[in-house]
Amino acid sequence: MKRICVLVSGGGTNLQAILEAQTSGIIKSGRVVLVISNRKAAYALERAKTAGIESKVINRLKCGSREAFESALANAIEAAHADLIVLAGFMEILSPAFTRRFERRIINIHPSLIPSFCGEGFYGLKVHEAALARGVKLSGATVHYVNEIPDGGEILCQKAVEVLDGDTPETLQLRIMKQAEWIILPETIEKLCREGTQEETI
């Protein structure tokens, strides 16, 4: 059973999708053992508490520097013996040193079909605002490995979602969550956990 650490900053809807996927059996080769937020007020922490999962708050400003912040983050992850790190709405750009330390062990969910509307500055509603301004007919979500380039790691899974006439950033965001993010993130987590377990038993 692989050990999963989820990094969050906000409401934790993707965290909730992961937890529900564990309950339903979609994720059966791994378990969330730790939730870390960089914001004390993140509702995702309440979701972790309700599920009986250990949680921590590690704030960059309180740490005093990015180096201290990432050191505290890495120490917490390693203390939990996490095999897989999932960024689920984590509003921090991680340094090349950090991503190299956990190479091919960090994944992220991004609310567009990469390489469209991605990279530094594209997060949350900003992604959907840009998609609507461009007039695209399809958007969606992407799960990818995290490397030193924001949204630049190897793509693991994508799912397209139709953009409808009259969409607002909010309605498009919700449709992409329901029809793509909450589906492909748990499925990708299970695939990685299962493949990792198989590799170790060979």
Protein backbone atom coordinates (compact mmCIF):
# COMPACT_ATOMS: atom_id res chain seq x y z
CA MET A 1 0.00 0.00 0.00
CA LYS A 2 1.59 3.26 -1.16
CA ARG A 3 1.59 6.25 1.17
CA ILE A 4 0.23 9.49 -0.29
CA CYS A 5 0.78 13.08 0.85
CA VAL A 6 -1.60 15.71 -0.52
CA LEU A 7 -0.59 19.40 -0.65
CA VAL A 8 -3.44 21.91 -0.62
CA SER A 9 -4.14 25.63 -0.29
CA GLY A 10 -7.91 26.05 -0.46
CA GLY A 11 -11.22 24.24 -0.29
CA GLY A 12 -9.88 20.80 -1.01
CA THR A 13 -12.42 19.59 -3.57
CA ASN A 14 -9.79 17.47 -5.30
CA LEU A 15 -8.69 16.12 -1.91
CA GLN A 16 -12.31 15.16 -1.28
CA ALA A 17 -12.43 13.39 -4.65
CA ILE A 18 -9.33 11.41 -3.68
CA LEU A 19 -10.80 10.45 -0.29
CA GLU A 20 -14.10 9.38 -1.88
CA ALA A 21 -12.17 7.34 -4.46
CA GLN A 22 -10.46 5.51 -1.60
CA THR A 23 -13.84 4.74 -0.04
CA SER A 24 -15.37 3.57 -3.31
CA GLY A 25 -12.40 1.39 -4.21
CA ILE A 26 -11.16 3.37 -7.21
CA ILE A 27 -7.96 3.97 -5.24
CA LYS A 28 -7.03 0.67 -3.62
CA SER A 29 -3.24 0.57 -3.96
CA GLY A 30 -2.54 3.70 -1.90
CA ARG A 31 -3.80 5.69 1.07
CA VAL A 32 -3.58 9.37 2.00
CA VAL A 33 -1.52 9.53 5.19
CA LEU A 34 -0.81 13.27 5.38
CA VAL A 35 -2.36 16.53 4.20
CA ILE A 36 -0.20 19.68 4.21
CA SER A 37 -1.55 23.18 3.65
CA ASN A 38 0.34 26.44 3.28
CA ARG A 39 -2.74 28.27 4.58
CA LYS A 40 -4.15 27.81 8.07
CA ALA A 41 -7.67 28.75 6.92
CA ALA A 42 -7.83 26.18 4.11
CA TYR A 43 -11.06 24.19 4.35
CA ALA A 44 -9.14 21.19 3.05
CA LEU A 45 -7.76 20.84 6.58
CA GLU A 46 -11.31 20.27 7.84
CA ARG A 47 -11.79 17.59 5.21
CA ALA A 48 -8.62 15.86 6.43
CA LYS A 49 -9.77 16.10 10.06
CA THR A 50 -13.17 14.62 9.22
CA ALA A 51 -11.44 11.73 7.45
CA GLY A 52 -9.09 11.15 10.39
CA ILE A 53 -5.99 12.03 8.40
CA GLU A 54 -3.00 13.80 9.93
CA SER A 55 -2.57 17.36 8.71
CA LYS A 56 0.03 20.10 9.03
CA VAL A 57 0.20 23.80 8.20
CA ILE A 58 3.53 24.98 6.79
CA ASN A 59 3.46 28.65 5.80
CA ARG A 60 6.21 30.19 3.69
CA LEU A 61 6.02 33.62 5.33
CA LYS A 62 6.21 32.16 8.83
CA CYS A 63 9.16 30.01 7.78
CA GLY A 64 11.00 33.18 6.81
CA SER A 65 12.35 32.08 3.43
CA ARG A 66 11.55 29.78 0.53
CA GLU A 67 14.49 27.57 1.49
CA ALA A 68 13.22 27.15 5.06
CA PHE A 69 9.68 26.56 3.79
CA GLU A 70 10.73 23.85 1.37
CA SER A 71 12.99 22.27 3.95
CA ALA A 72 10.08 22.02 6.41
CA LEU A 73 7.86 20.68 3.64
CA ALA A 74 10.40 18.04 2.62
CA ASN A 75 11.02 17.00 6.22
CA ALA A 76 7.29 16.50 6.83
CA ILE A 77 6.89 14.47 3.63
CA GLU A 78 9.87 12.27 4.44
CA ALA A 79 8.78 11.81 8.06
CA ALA A 80 5.46 10.49 6.74
CA HIS A 81 7.34 8.08 4.42
CA ALA A 82 5.25 9.33 1.52
CA ASP A 83 5.73 7.53 -1.77
CA LEU A 84 3.59 9.91 -3.83
CA ILE A 85 3.03 13.65 -3.43
CA VAL A 86 -0.16 15.08 -4.95
CA LEU A 87 -0.55 18.82 -5.53
CA ALA A 88 -4.30 19.42 -5.32
CA GLY A 89 -4.79 23.16 -5.60
CA PHE A 90 -1.44 23.98 -3.97
CA MET A 91 -0.69 27.65 -4.61
CA GLU A 92 3.09 27.59 -4.38
CA ILE A 93 5.70 27.23 -7.11
CA LEU A 94 8.23 24.63 -5.99
CA SER A 95 11.92 25.19 -6.69
CA PRO A 96 14.01 23.03 -9.03
CA ALA A 97 15.93 21.74 -5.99
CA PHE A 98 12.70 20.53 -4.38
CA THR A 99 11.29 18.91 -7.52
CA ARG A 100 14.60 17.15 -8.17
CA ARG A 101 14.61 15.84 -4.60
CA PHE A 102 11.28 14.13 -5.27
CA GLU A 103 11.71 13.47 -8.99
CA ARG A 104 8.79 11.52 -10.54
CA ARG A 105 7.10 11.39 -7.14
CA ILE A 106 5.12 14.67 -7.41
CA ILE A 107 2.01 15.02 -9.56
CA ASN A 108 -0.28 17.98 -10.17
CA ILE A 109 -3.80 18.47 -11.54
CA HIS A 110 -4.16 21.49 -13.84
CA PRO A 111 -7.55 22.74 -15.10
CA SER A 112 -6.76 22.95 -18.82
CA LEU A 113 -5.48 20.77 -21.63
CA ILE A 114 -1.76 21.45 -21.36
CA PRO A 115 0.02 23.08 -23.23
CA SER A 116 -2.92 25.50 -23.42
CA PHE A 117 -3.46 28.04 -20.63
CA CYS A 118 -0.72 26.80 -18.33
CA GLY A 119 2.50 27.92 -16.71
CA GLU A 120 3.25 30.62 -14.19
CA GLY A 121 0.27 32.89 -13.55
CA PHE A 122 -2.33 30.40 -14.78
CA TYR A 123 -4.22 29.08 -11.78
CA GLY A 124 -7.79 28.91 -10.49
CA LEU A 125 -10.33 31.01 -12.36
CA LYS A 126 -7.56 32.73 -14.36
CA VAL A 127 -7.23 29.56 -16.46
CA HIS A 128 -10.93 29.52 -17.34
CA GLU A 129 -11.03 33.27 -17.95
CA ALA A 130 -8.22 32.86 -20.49
CA ALA A 131 -9.92 29.89 -22.17
CA LEU A 132 -13.20 31.79 -22.57
CA ALA A 133 -11.42 34.91 -23.81
CA ARG A 134 -9.68 32.83 -26.48
CA GLY A 135 -12.95 31.26 -27.54
CA VAL A 136 -11.91 27.62 -27.33
CA LYS A 137 -14.61 24.98 -27.78
CA LEU A 138 -12.86 22.35 -25.67
CA SER A 139 -11.02 22.68 -22.39
CA GLY A 140 -10.44 20.08 -19.70
CA ALA A 141 -7.88 18.92 -17.16
CA THR A 142 -4.39 17.44 -17.13
CA VAL A 143 -2.53 15.34 -14.58
CA HIS A 144 1.23 15.65 -14.97
CA TYR A 145 4.50 15.06 -13.17
CA VAL A 146 5.94 18.16 -11.53
CA ASN A 147 9.38 19.35 -12.56
CA GLU A 148 11.28 22.65 -12.45
CA ILE A 149 9.01 24.22 -15.11
CA PRO A 150 5.52 25.27 -13.92
CA ASP A 151 3.08 22.82 -15.57
CA GLY A 152 5.99 21.54 -17.67
CA GLY A 153 6.35 17.95 -16.49
CA GLU A 154 5.43 14.79 -18.37
CA ILE A 155 1.70 14.49 -19.04
CA LEU A 156 0.13 11.43 -17.42
CA CYS A 157 -3.55 11.85 -18.27
CA GLN A 158 -5.90 14.34 -19.92
CA LYS A 159 -9.66 14.59 -20.30
CA ALA A 160 -11.49 17.05 -22.53
CA VAL A 161 -14.63 18.94 -21.51
CA GLU A 162 -16.91 20.88 -23.83
CA VAL A 163 -17.11 24.66 -23.45
CA LEU A 164 -20.75 25.74 -23.74
CA ASP A 165 -22.27 28.96 -25.02
CA GLY A 166 -22.93 31.29 -22.11
CA ASP A 167 -20.26 29.73 -19.90
CA THR A 168 -18.72 31.89 -17.21
CA PRO A 169 -15.36 31.11 -15.63
CA GLU A 170 -17.27 29.73 -12.63
CA THR A 171 -19.57 27.41 -14.62
CA LEU A 172 -16.69 26.16 -16.75
CA GLN A 173 -14.55 25.58 -13.66
CA LEU A 174 -17.27 23.47 -12.01
CA ARG A 175 -17.94 21.42 -15.16
CA ILE A 176 -14.23 20.67 -15.58
CA MET A 177 -13.98 19.64 -11.92
CA LYS A 178 -16.96 17.28 -12.19
CA GLN A 179 -16.29 15.86 -15.65
CA ALA A 180 -12.49 15.72 -15.62
CA GLU A 181 -10.50 16.61 -12.49
CA TRP A 182 -12.41 14.48 -10.00
CA ILE A 183 -12.21 11.53 -12.40
CA ILE A 184 -8.68 11.51 -13.80
CA LEU A 185 -6.82 12.51 -10.63
CA PRO A 186 -7.95 9.48 -8.57
CA GLU A 187 -7.52 7.18 -11.58
CA THR A 188 -3.96 8.40 -12.14
CA ILE A 189 -3.11 8.07 -8.45
CA GLU A 190 -4.32 4.45 -8.45
CA LYS A 191 -2.35 3.70 -11.63
CA LEU A 192 0.89 5.12 -10.20
CA CYS A 193 0.44 3.40 -6.84
CA ARG A 194 -0.38 0.08 -8.49
CA GLU A 195 2.53 0.26 -10.94
CA GLY A 196 4.94 1.23 -8.17
CA THR A 197 3.83 -1.74 -6.09
CA GLN A 198 4.24 -4.10 -9.04
CA GLU A 199 7.73 -2.79 -9.79
CA GLU A 200 8.81 -3.44 -6.22
CA THR A 201 7.56 -7.02 -6.28
CA ILE A 202 9.42 -7.99 -9.46
